[in-house]
């Protein structure tokens, strides 16, 4: 399952999504430190199919985890060569124009 939440700011709609087991954890490497909070990624657990549906209704995406990023790659929102890795965890940011 994926944790997902849509944040709204004016006309922008940001989809924050991460693999469920990552919520509440902090990841560090030499360059970055990221804490995946429930406040940002939400409490709702959804399927990958539902995640893909929501991707079509937002302007920005912040994705963490193998499944969340793979869903975006499969639908053509993210190119595999643009995936970042933070402490071994895949991460992608998307801005749709």
PDB file of N, CA and C in Angstrom:
ATOM      1  N   UNK A   1       0.837  -1.184   0.000  1.00  0.00           N
ATOM      2  CA  UNK A   1       0.000   0.000   0.000  1.00  0.00           C
ATOM      3  C   UNK A   1       0.882   1.247   0.000  1.00  0.00           C
ATOM      4  N   UNK A   2       0.258   2.343  -0.382  1.00  0.00           N
ATOM      5  CA  UNK A   2       0.923   3.641  -0.492  1.00  0.00           C
ATOM      6  C   UNK A   2       0.198   4.622   0.428  1.00  0.00           C
ATOM      7  N   UNK A   3       0.943   5.440   1.125  1.00  0.00           N
ATOM      8  CA  UNK A   3       0.344   6.544   1.877  1.00  0.00           C
ATOM      9  C   UNK A   3       0.310   7.740   0.955  1.00  0.00           C
ATOM     10  N   UNK A   4      -0.814   8.442   0.927  1.00  0.00           N
ATOM     11  CA  UNK A   4      -0.929   9.580   0.020  1.00  0.00           C
ATOM     12  C   UNK A   4      -1.816  10.669   0.607  1.00  0.00           C
ATOM     13  N   UNK A   5      -1.426  11.893   0.274  1.00  0.00           N
ATOM     14  CA  UNK A   5      -2.204  13.058   0.691  1.00  0.00           C
ATOM     15  C   UNK A   5      -2.049  14.127  -0.387  1.00  0.00           C
ATOM     16  N   UNK A   6      -3.133  14.819  -0.678  1.00  0.00           N
ATOM     17  CA  UNK A   6      -3.082  15.934  -1.621  1.00  0.00           C
ATOM     18  C   UNK A   6      -3.126  17.228  -0.821  1.00  0.00           C
ATOM     19  N   UNK A   7      -2.131  18.074  -1.068  1.00  0.00           N
ATOM     20  CA  UNK A   7      -2.047  19.398  -0.442  1.00  0.00           C
ATOM     21  C   UNK A   7      -2.463  20.419  -1.499  1.00  0.00           C
ATOM     22  N   UNK A   8      -3.239  21.400  -1.080  1.00  0.00           N
ATOM     23  CA  UNK A   8      -3.677  22.447  -2.002  1.00  0.00           C
ATOM     24  C   UNK A   8      -3.103  23.792  -1.572  1.00  0.00           C
ATOM     25  N   UNK A   9      -2.590  24.533  -2.557  1.00  0.00           N
ATOM     26  CA  UNK A   9      -2.082  25.883  -2.314  1.00  0.00           C
ATOM     27  C   UNK A   9      -2.430  26.718  -3.544  1.00  0.00           C
ATOM     28  N   UNK A  10      -3.453  27.532  -3.419  1.00  0.00           N
ATOM     29  CA  UNK A  10      -3.924  28.279  -4.586  1.00  0.00           C
ATOM     30  C   UNK A  10      -4.369  27.321  -5.670  1.00  0.00           C
ATOM     31  N   UNK A  11      -3.814  27.497  -6.860  1.00  0.00           N
ATOM     32  CA  UNK A  11      -4.158  26.637  -7.991  1.00  0.00           C
ATOM     33  C   UNK A  11      -3.364  25.329  -8.012  1.00  0.00           C
ATOM     34  N   UNK A  12      -2.339  25.257  -7.188  1.00  0.00           N
ATOM     35  CA  UNK A  12      -1.481  24.070  -7.181  1.00  0.00           C
ATOM     36  C   UNK A  12      -2.070  22.958  -6.322  1.00  0.00           C
ATOM     37  N   UNK A  13      -1.888  21.734  -6.791  1.00  0.00           N
ATOM     38  CA  UNK A  13      -2.293  20.540  -6.045  1.00  0.00           C
ATOM     39  C   UNK A  13      -1.088  19.605  -6.010  1.00  0.00           C
ATOM     40  N   UNK A  14      -0.544  19.404  -4.812  1.00  0.00           N
ATOM     41  CA  UNK A  14       0.650  18.577  -4.639  1.00  0.00           C
ATOM     42  C   UNK A  14       0.253  17.218  -4.077  1.00  0.00           C
ATOM     43  N   UNK A  15       0.655  16.175  -4.768  1.00  0.00           N
ATOM     44  CA  UNK A  15       0.446  14.812  -4.302  1.00  0.00           C
ATOM     45  C   UNK A  15       1.711  14.350  -3.584  1.00  0.00           C
ATOM     46  N   UNK A  16       1.585  14.123  -2.289  1.00  0.00           N
ATOM     47  CA  UNK A  16       2.674  13.555  -1.494  1.00  0.00           C
ATOM     48  C   UNK A  16       2.356  12.075  -1.325  1.00  0.00           C
ATOM     49  N   UNK A  17       3.246  11.204  -1.765  1.00  0.00           N
ATOM     50  CA  UNK A  17       2.986   9.765  -1.688  1.00  0.00           C
ATOM     51  C   UNK A  17       4.278   9.015  -1.385  1.00  0.00           C
ATOM     52  N   UNK A  18       4.161   8.011  -0.519  1.00  0.00           N
ATOM     53  CA  UNK A  18       5.318   7.168  -0.223  1.00  0.00           C
ATOM     54  C   UNK A  18       4.852   5.770   0.138  1.00  0.00           C
ATOM     55  N   UNK A  19       5.751   4.816  -0.025  1.00  0.00           N
ATOM     56  CA  UNK A  19       5.448   3.444   0.371  1.00  0.00           C
ATOM     57  C   UNK A  19       5.108   3.449   1.859  1.00  0.00           C
ATOM     58  N   UNK A  20       4.044   2.771   2.217  1.00  0.00           N
ATOM     59  CA  UNK A  20       3.491   2.852   3.571  1.00  0.00           C
ATOM     60  C   UNK A  20       4.491   2.543   4.676  1.00  0.00           C
ATOM     61  N   UNK A  21       5.360   1.586   4.467  1.00  0.00           N
ATOM     62  CA  UNK A  21       6.290   1.180   5.527  1.00  0.00           C
ATOM     63  C   UNK A  21       7.366   2.229   5.810  1.00  0.00           C
ATOM     64  N   UNK A  22       7.456   3.263   4.980  1.00  0.00           N
ATOM     65  CA  UNK A  22       8.468   4.303   5.167  1.00  0.00           C
ATOM     66  C   UNK A  22       8.003   5.449   6.070  1.00  0.00           C
ATOM     67  N   UNK A  23       6.699   5.573   6.265  1.00  0.00           N
ATOM     68  CA  UNK A  23       6.158   6.681   7.063  1.00  0.00           C
ATOM     69  C   UNK A  23       6.686   6.607   8.495  1.00  0.00           C
ATOM     70  N   UNK A  24       7.129   7.760   8.987  1.00  0.00           N
ATOM     71  CA  UNK A  24       7.633   7.854  10.350  1.00  0.00           C
ATOM     72  C   UNK A  24       9.122   7.604  10.475  1.00  0.00           C
ATOM     73  N   UNK A  25       9.780   7.309   9.372  1.00  0.00           N
ATOM     74  CA  UNK A  25      11.212   7.011   9.410  1.00  0.00           C
ATOM     75  C   UNK A  25      12.028   8.187   8.875  1.00  0.00           C
ATOM     76  N   UNK A  26      13.270   8.253   9.332  1.00  0.00           N
ATOM     77  CA  UNK A  26      14.216   9.253   8.855  1.00  0.00           C
ATOM     78  C   UNK A  26      15.318   8.552   8.087  1.00  0.00           C
ATOM     79  N   UNK A  27      15.677   9.129   6.943  1.00  0.00           N
ATOM     80  CA  UNK A  27      16.720   8.574   6.090  1.00  0.00           C
ATOM     81  C   UNK A  27      17.806   9.620   5.908  1.00  0.00           C
ATOM     82  N   UNK A  28      19.063   9.189   6.074  1.00  0.00           N
ATOM     83  CA  UNK A  28      20.216  10.086   5.949  1.00  0.00           C
ATOM     84  C   UNK A  28      21.268   9.472   5.061  1.00  0.00           C
ATOM     85  N   UNK A  29      21.907  10.344   4.313  1.00  0.00           N
ATOM     86  CA  UNK A  29      23.124   9.959   3.615  1.00  0.00           C
ATOM     87  C   UNK A  29      24.087  11.132   3.724  1.00  0.00           C
ATOM     88  N   UNK A  30      25.148  11.129   2.946  1.00  0.00           N
ATOM     89  CA  UNK A  30      26.165  12.176   3.057  1.00  0.00           C
ATOM     90  C   UNK A  30      25.630  13.555   2.705  1.00  0.00           C
ATOM     91  N   UNK A  31      24.590  13.604   1.891  1.00  0.00           N
ATOM     92  CA  UNK A  31      24.084  14.871   1.378  1.00  0.00           C
ATOM     93  C   UNK A  31      22.750  15.277   1.990  1.00  0.00           C
ATOM     94  N   UNK A  32      21.880  14.326   2.267  1.00  0.00           N
ATOM     95  CA  UNK A  32      20.505  14.627   2.635  1.00  0.00           C
ATOM     96  C   UNK A  32      20.049  13.934   3.907  1.00  0.00           C
ATOM     97  N   UNK A  33      19.058  14.555   4.528  1.00  0.00           N
ATOM     98  CA  UNK A  33      18.337  13.950   5.644  1.00  0.00           C
ATOM     99  C   UNK A  33      16.855  14.225   5.402  1.00  0.00           C
ATOM    100  N   UNK A  34      16.056  13.165   5.350  1.00  0.00           N
ATOM    101  CA  UNK A  34      14.638  13.294   5.071  1.00  0.00           C
ATOM    102  C   UNK A  34      13.852  12.484   6.092  1.00  0.00           C
ATOM    103  N   UNK A  35      12.839  13.117   6.689  1.00  0.00           N
ATOM    104  CA  UNK A  35      11.912  12.422   7.572  1.00  0.00           C
ATOM    105  C   UNK A  35      10.564  12.372   6.877  1.00  0.00           C
ATOM    106  N   UNK A  36      10.035  11.187   6.702  1.00  0.00           N
ATOM    107  CA  UNK A  36       8.754  11.005   6.013  1.00  0.00           C
ATOM    108  C   UNK A  36       7.640  10.984   7.054  1.00  0.00           C
ATOM    109  N   UNK A  37       6.991  12.113   7.242  1.00  0.00           N
ATOM    110  CA  UNK A  37       6.011  12.266   8.310  1.00  0.00           C
ATOM    111  C   UNK A  37       4.588  11.970   7.857  1.00  0.00           C
ATOM    112  N   UNK A  38       3.804  11.538   8.809  1.00  0.00           N
ATOM    113  CA  UNK A  38       2.388  11.314   8.572  1.00  0.00           C
ATOM    114  C   UNK A  38       1.695  12.639   8.253  1.00  0.00           C
ATOM    115  N   UNK A  39       2.165  13.721   8.850  1.00  0.00           N
ATOM    116  CA  UNK A  39       1.571  15.036   8.592  1.00  0.00           C
ATOM    117  C   UNK A  39       1.658  15.408   7.114  1.00  0.00           C
ATOM    118  N   UNK A  40       2.756  15.025   6.451  1.00  0.00           N
ATOM    119  CA  UNK A  40       2.927  15.364   5.037  1.00  0.00           C
ATOM    120  C   UNK A  40       2.359  14.288   4.121  1.00  0.00           C
ATOM    121  N   UNK A  41       2.645  13.025   4.402  1.00  0.00           N
ATOM    122  CA  UNK A  41       2.231  11.937   3.517  1.00  0.00           C
ATOM    123  C   UNK A  41       0.851  11.375   3.842  1.00  0.00           C
ATOM    124  N   UNK A  42       0.282  11.791   4.963  1.00  0.00           N
ATOM    125  CA  UNK A  42      -1.096  11.433   5.271  1.00  0.00           C
ATOM    126  C   UNK A  42      -1.266  10.117   5.994  1.00  0.00           C
ATOM    127  N   UNK A  43      -2.525   9.839   6.290  1.00  0.00           N
ATOM    128  CA  UNK A  43      -2.884   8.613   7.007  1.00  0.00           C
ATOM    129  C   UNK A  43      -3.613   7.620   6.115  1.00  0.00           C
ATOM    130  N   UNK A  44      -4.006   8.078   4.936  1.00  0.00           N
ATOM    131  CA  UNK A  44      -4.770   7.217   4.034  1.00  0.00           C
ATOM    132  C   UNK A  44      -3.853   6.257   3.291  1.00  0.00           C
ATOM    133  N   UNK A  45      -4.137   4.969   3.384  1.00  0.00           N
ATOM    134  CA  UNK A  45      -3.409   3.947   2.636  1.00  0.00           C
ATOM    135  C   UNK A  45      -4.219   3.613   1.387  1.00  0.00           C
ATOM    136  N   UNK A  46      -3.580   3.721   0.225  1.00  0.00           N
ATOM    137  CA  UNK A  46      -4.268   3.480  -1.038  1.00  0.00           C
ATOM    138  C   UNK A  46      -3.485   2.467  -1.869  1.00  0.00           C
ATOM    139  N   UNK A  47      -4.154   1.926  -2.868  1.00  0.00           N
ATOM    140  CA  UNK A  47      -3.490   0.984  -3.777  1.00  0.00           C
ATOM    141  C   UNK A  47      -2.678   1.760  -4.809  1.00  0.00           C
ATOM    142  N   UNK A  48      -1.825   1.060  -5.504  1.00  0.00           N
ATOM    143  CA  UNK A  48      -1.045   1.686  -6.566  1.00  0.00           C
ATOM    144  C   UNK A  48      -1.950   2.165  -7.697  1.00  0.00           C
ATOM    145  N   UNK A  49      -3.050   1.449  -7.965  1.00  0.00           N
ATOM    146  CA  UNK A  49      -3.994   1.886  -8.997  1.00  0.00           C
ATOM    147  C   UNK A  49      -4.639   3.213  -8.617  1.00  0.00           C
ATOM    148  N   UNK A  50      -5.018   3.357  -7.354  1.00  0.00           N
ATOM    149  CA  UNK A  50      -5.606   4.612  -6.886  1.00  0.00           C
ATOM    150  C   UNK A  50      -4.578   5.735  -6.941  1.00  0.00           C
ATOM    151  N   UNK A  51      -3.333   5.425  -6.606  1.00  0.00           N
ATOM    152  CA  UNK A  51      -2.267   6.412  -6.698  1.00  0.00           C
ATOM    153  C   UNK A  51      -2.156   6.930  -8.130  1.00  0.00           C
ATOM    154  N   UNK A  52      -2.158   6.039  -9.094  1.00  0.00           N
ATOM    155  CA  UNK A  52      -2.050   6.436 -10.498  1.00  0.00           C
ATOM    156  C   UNK A  52      -3.226   7.328 -10.896  1.00  0.00           C
ATOM    157  N   UNK A  53      -4.423   7.028 -10.433  1.00  0.00           N
ATOM    158  CA  UNK A  53      -5.589   7.875 -10.714  1.00  0.00           C
ATOM    159  C   UNK A  53      -5.367   9.283 -10.177  1.00  0.00           C
ATOM    160  N   UNK A  54      -4.852   9.378  -8.966  1.00  0.00           N
ATOM    161  CA  UNK A  54      -4.625  10.689  -8.346  1.00  0.00           C
ATOM    162  C   UNK A  54      -3.523  11.474  -9.035  1.00  0.00           C
ATOM    163  N   UNK A  55      -2.572  10.774  -9.604  1.00  0.00           N
ATOM    164  CA  UNK A  55      -1.491  11.459 -10.321  1.00  0.00           C
ATOM    165  C   UNK A  55      -2.043  12.314 -11.462  1.00  0.00           C
ATOM    166  N   UNK A  56      -3.141  11.890 -12.032  1.00  0.00           N
ATOM    167  CA  UNK A  56      -3.732  12.623 -13.149  1.00  0.00           C
ATOM    168  C   UNK A  56      -4.459  13.896 -12.749  1.00  0.00           C
ATOM    169  N   UNK A  57      -4.589  14.157 -11.447  1.00  0.00           N
ATOM    170  CA  UNK A  57      -5.365  15.323 -11.001  1.00  0.00           C
ATOM    171  C   UNK A  57      -4.533  16.359 -10.258  1.00  0.00           C
ATOM    172  N   UNK A  58      -3.203  16.243 -10.315  1.00  0.00           N
ATOM    173  CA  UNK A  58      -2.356  17.155  -9.545  1.00  0.00           C
ATOM    174  C   UNK A  58      -1.374  17.894 -10.452  1.00  0.00           C
ATOM    175  N   UNK A  59      -0.726  18.918  -9.877  1.00  0.00           N
ATOM    176  CA  UNK A  59       0.247  19.702 -10.640  1.00  0.00           C
ATOM    177  C   UNK A  59       1.682  19.421 -10.202  1.00  0.00           C
ATOM    178  N   UNK A  60       1.836  18.870  -9.000  1.00  0.00           N
ATOM    179  CA  UNK A  60       3.162  18.588  -8.447  1.00  0.00           C
ATOM    180  C   UNK A  60       3.099  17.241  -7.730  1.00  0.00           C
ATOM    181  N   UNK A  61       4.189  16.472  -7.784  1.00  0.00           N
ATOM    182  CA  UNK A  61       4.255  15.210  -7.032  1.00  0.00           C
ATOM    183  C   UNK A  61       5.572  15.127  -6.273  1.00  0.00           C
ATOM    184  N   UNK A  62       5.484  14.604  -5.062  1.00  0.00           N
ATOM    185  CA  UNK A  62       6.646  14.291  -4.234  1.00  0.00           C
ATOM    186  C   UNK A  62       6.490  12.824  -3.861  1.00  0.00           C
ATOM    187  N   UNK A  63       7.354  11.981  -4.385  1.00  0.00           N
ATOM    188  CA  UNK A  63       7.199  10.528  -4.251  1.00  0.00           C
ATOM    189  C   UNK A  63       8.430   9.904  -3.611  1.00  0.00           C
ATOM    190  N   UNK A  64       8.194   9.003  -2.658  1.00  0.00           N
ATOM    191  CA  UNK A  64       9.280   8.259  -2.019  1.00  0.00           C
ATOM    192  C   UNK A  64       8.933   6.787  -1.997  1.00  0.00           C
ATOM    193  N   UNK A  65       9.926   5.959  -2.275  1.00  0.00           N
ATOM    194  CA  UNK A  65       9.771   4.517  -2.157  1.00  0.00           C
ATOM    195  C   UNK A  65       9.696   3.814  -3.496  1.00  0.00           C
ATOM    196  N   UNK A  66      10.043   2.556  -3.476  1.00  0.00           N
ATOM    197  CA  UNK A  66      10.094   1.734  -4.686  1.00  0.00           C
ATOM    198  C   UNK A  66       8.751   1.706  -5.416  1.00  0.00           C
ATOM    199  N   UNK A  67       7.661   1.427  -4.708  1.00  0.00           N
ATOM    200  CA  UNK A  67       6.355   1.279  -5.356  1.00  0.00           C
ATOM    201  C   UNK A  67       5.795   2.606  -5.858  1.00  0.00           C
ATOM    202  N   UNK A  68       5.894   3.646  -5.052  1.00  0.00           N
ATOM    203  CA  UNK A  68       5.366   4.959  -5.453  1.00  0.00           C
ATOM    204  C   UNK A  68       6.099   5.474  -6.691  1.00  0.00           C
ATOM    205  N   UNK A  69       7.413   5.383  -6.692  1.00  0.00           N
ATOM    206  CA  UNK A  69       8.202   5.860  -7.831  1.00  0.00           C
ATOM    207  C   UNK A  69       7.964   4.966  -9.052  1.00  0.00           C
ATOM    208  N   UNK A  70       7.891   3.659  -8.863  1.00  0.00           N
ATOM    209  CA  UNK A  70       7.662   2.740  -9.990  1.00  0.00           C
ATOM    210  C   UNK A  70       6.326   3.025 -10.675  1.00  0.00           C
ATOM    211  N   UNK A  71       5.304   3.374  -9.901  1.00  0.00           N
ATOM    212  CA  UNK A  71       3.999   3.697 -10.484  1.00  0.00           C
ATOM    213  C   UNK A  71       4.104   4.924 -11.381  1.00  0.00           C
ATOM    214  N   UNK A  72       4.860   5.923 -10.962  1.00  0.00           N
ATOM    215  CA  UNK A  72       5.040   7.138 -11.758  1.00  0.00           C
ATOM    216  C   UNK A  72       5.857   6.855 -13.017  1.00  0.00           C
ATOM    217  N   UNK A  73       6.833   5.989 -12.902  1.00  0.00           N
ATOM    218  CA  UNK A  73       7.631   5.600 -14.074  1.00  0.00           C
ATOM    219  C   UNK A  73       6.752   4.853 -15.078  1.00  0.00           C
ATOM    220  N   UNK A  74       5.964   3.910 -14.570  1.00  0.00           N
ATOM    221  CA  UNK A  74       5.114   3.094 -15.440  1.00  0.00           C
ATOM    222  C   UNK A  74       4.119   3.942 -16.230  1.00  0.00           C
ATOM    223  N   UNK A  75       3.660   5.033 -15.663  1.00  0.00           N
ATOM    224  CA  UNK A  75       2.701   5.905 -16.338  1.00  0.00           C
ATOM    225  C   UNK A  75       3.353   7.044 -17.114  1.00  0.00           C
ATOM    226  N   UNK A  76       4.687   7.077 -17.118  1.00  0.00           N
ATOM    227  CA  UNK A  76       5.387   8.064 -17.917  1.00  0.00           C
ATOM    228  C   UNK A  76       5.553   9.431 -17.274  1.00  0.00           C
ATOM    229  N   UNK A  77       5.249   9.558 -16.000  1.00  0.00           N
ATOM    230  CA  UNK A  77       5.431  10.838 -15.304  1.00  0.00           C
ATOM    231  C   UNK A  77       6.884  11.071 -14.906  1.00  0.00           C
ATOM    232  N   UNK A  78       7.632   9.988 -14.738  1.00  0.00           N
ATOM    233  CA  UNK A  78       9.019  10.075 -14.287  1.00  0.00           C
ATOM    234  C   UNK A  78       9.885   9.219 -15.203  1.00  0.00           C
ATOM    235  N   UNK A  79      11.017   9.776 -15.588  1.00  0.00           N
ATOM    236  CA  UNK A  79      12.001   9.021 -16.352  1.00  0.00           C
ATOM    237  C   UNK A  79      12.952   8.343 -15.358  1.00  0.00           C
ATOM    238  N   UNK A  80      13.259   7.072 -15.546  1.00  0.00           N
ATOM    239  CA  UNK A  80      14.120   6.371 -14.587  1.00  0.00           C
ATOM    240  C   UNK A  80      15.451   7.072 -14.325  1.00  0.00           C
ATOM    241  N   UNK A  81      16.003   7.744 -15.326  1.00  0.00           N
ATOM    242  CA  UNK A  81      17.280   8.414 -15.110  1.00  0.00           C
ATOM    243  C   UNK A  81      17.155   9.686 -14.269  1.00  0.00           C
ATOM    244  N   UNK A  82      15.933  10.122 -13.983  1.00  0.00           N
ATOM    245  CA  UNK A  82      15.720  11.297 -13.135  1.00  0.00           C
ATOM    246  C   UNK A  82      15.357  10.940 -11.695  1.00  0.00           C
ATOM    247  N   UNK A  83      15.377   9.671 -11.371  1.00  0.00           N
ATOM    248  CA  UNK A  83      15.069   9.238 -10.000  1.00  0.00           C
ATOM    249  C   UNK A  83      16.287   9.482  -9.114  1.00  0.00           C
ATOM    250  N   UNK A  84      16.043  10.137  -7.994  1.00  0.00           N
ATOM    251  CA  UNK A  84      17.094  10.356  -7.004  1.00  0.00           C
ATOM    252  C   UNK A  84      17.070   9.209  -6.007  1.00  0.00           C
ATOM    253  N   UNK A  85      18.147   9.047  -5.278  1.00  0.00           N
ATOM    254  CA  UNK A  85      18.197   8.045  -4.218  1.00  0.00           C
ATOM    255  C   UNK A  85      18.709   8.735  -2.967  1.00  0.00           C
ATOM    256  N   UNK A  86      17.920   8.662  -1.908  1.00  0.00           N
ATOM    257  CA  UNK A  86      18.287   9.240  -0.615  1.00  0.00           C
ATOM    258  C   UNK A  86      18.434   8.089   0.363  1.00  0.00           C
ATOM    259  N   UNK A  87      19.637   7.849   0.816  1.00  0.00           N
ATOM    260  CA  UNK A  87      19.910   6.771   1.769  1.00  0.00           C
ATOM    261  C   UNK A  87      19.323   5.434   1.305  1.00  0.00           C
ATOM    262  N   UNK A  88      19.446   5.174   0.004  1.00  0.00           N
ATOM    263  CA  UNK A  88      18.970   3.914  -0.549  1.00  0.00           C
ATOM    264  C   UNK A  88      17.500   3.877  -0.909  1.00  0.00           C
ATOM    265  N   UNK A  89      16.770   4.976  -0.676  1.00  0.00           N
ATOM    266  CA  UNK A  89      15.330   5.040  -0.966  1.00  0.00           C
ATOM    267  C   UNK A  89      15.097   5.880  -2.223  1.00  0.00           C
ATOM    268  N   UNK A  90      14.353   5.335  -3.177  1.00  0.00           N
ATOM    269  CA  UNK A  90      14.069   6.070  -4.413  1.00  0.00           C
ATOM    270  C   UNK A  90      13.160   7.261  -4.118  1.00  0.00           C
ATOM    271  N   UNK A  91      13.442   8.373  -4.813  1.00  0.00           N
ATOM    272  CA  UNK A  91      12.687   9.619  -4.640  1.00  0.00           C
ATOM    273  C   UNK A  91      12.550  10.313  -5.975  1.00  0.00           C
ATOM    274  N   UNK A  92      11.361  10.849  -6.229  1.00  0.00           N
ATOM    275  CA  UNK A  92      11.137  11.614  -7.454  1.00  0.00           C
ATOM    276  C   UNK A  92      10.264  12.819  -7.149  1.00  0.00           C
ATOM    277  N   UNK A  93      10.578  13.901  -7.826  1.00  0.00           N
ATOM    278  CA  UNK A  93       9.766  15.116  -7.755  1.00  0.00           C
ATOM    279  C   UNK A  93       9.301  15.422  -9.172  1.00  0.00           C
ATOM    280  N   UNK A  94       8.034  15.780  -9.290  1.00  0.00           N
ATOM    281  CA  UNK A  94       7.447  16.004 -10.605  1.00  0.00           C
ATOM    282  C   UNK A  94       6.684  17.323 -10.593  1.00  0.00           C
ATOM    283  N   UNK A  95       6.894  18.135 -11.613  1.00  0.00           N
ATOM    284  CA  UNK A  95       6.091  19.333 -11.824  1.00  0.00           C
ATOM    285  C   UNK A  95       5.454  19.188 -13.193  1.00  0.00           C
ATOM    286  N   UNK A  96       4.134  19.201 -13.213  1.00  0.00           N
ATOM    287  CA  UNK A  96       3.396  19.034 -14.476  1.00  0.00           C
ATOM    288  C   UNK A  96       2.977  20.408 -14.984  1.00  0.00           C
ATOM    289  N   UNK A  97       3.221  20.660 -16.247  1.00  0.00           N
ATOM    290  CA  UNK A  97       2.904  21.971 -16.825  1.00  0.00           C
ATOM    291  C   UNK A  97       1.663  21.852 -17.676  1.00  0.00           C
TER     292      UNK A  97
END
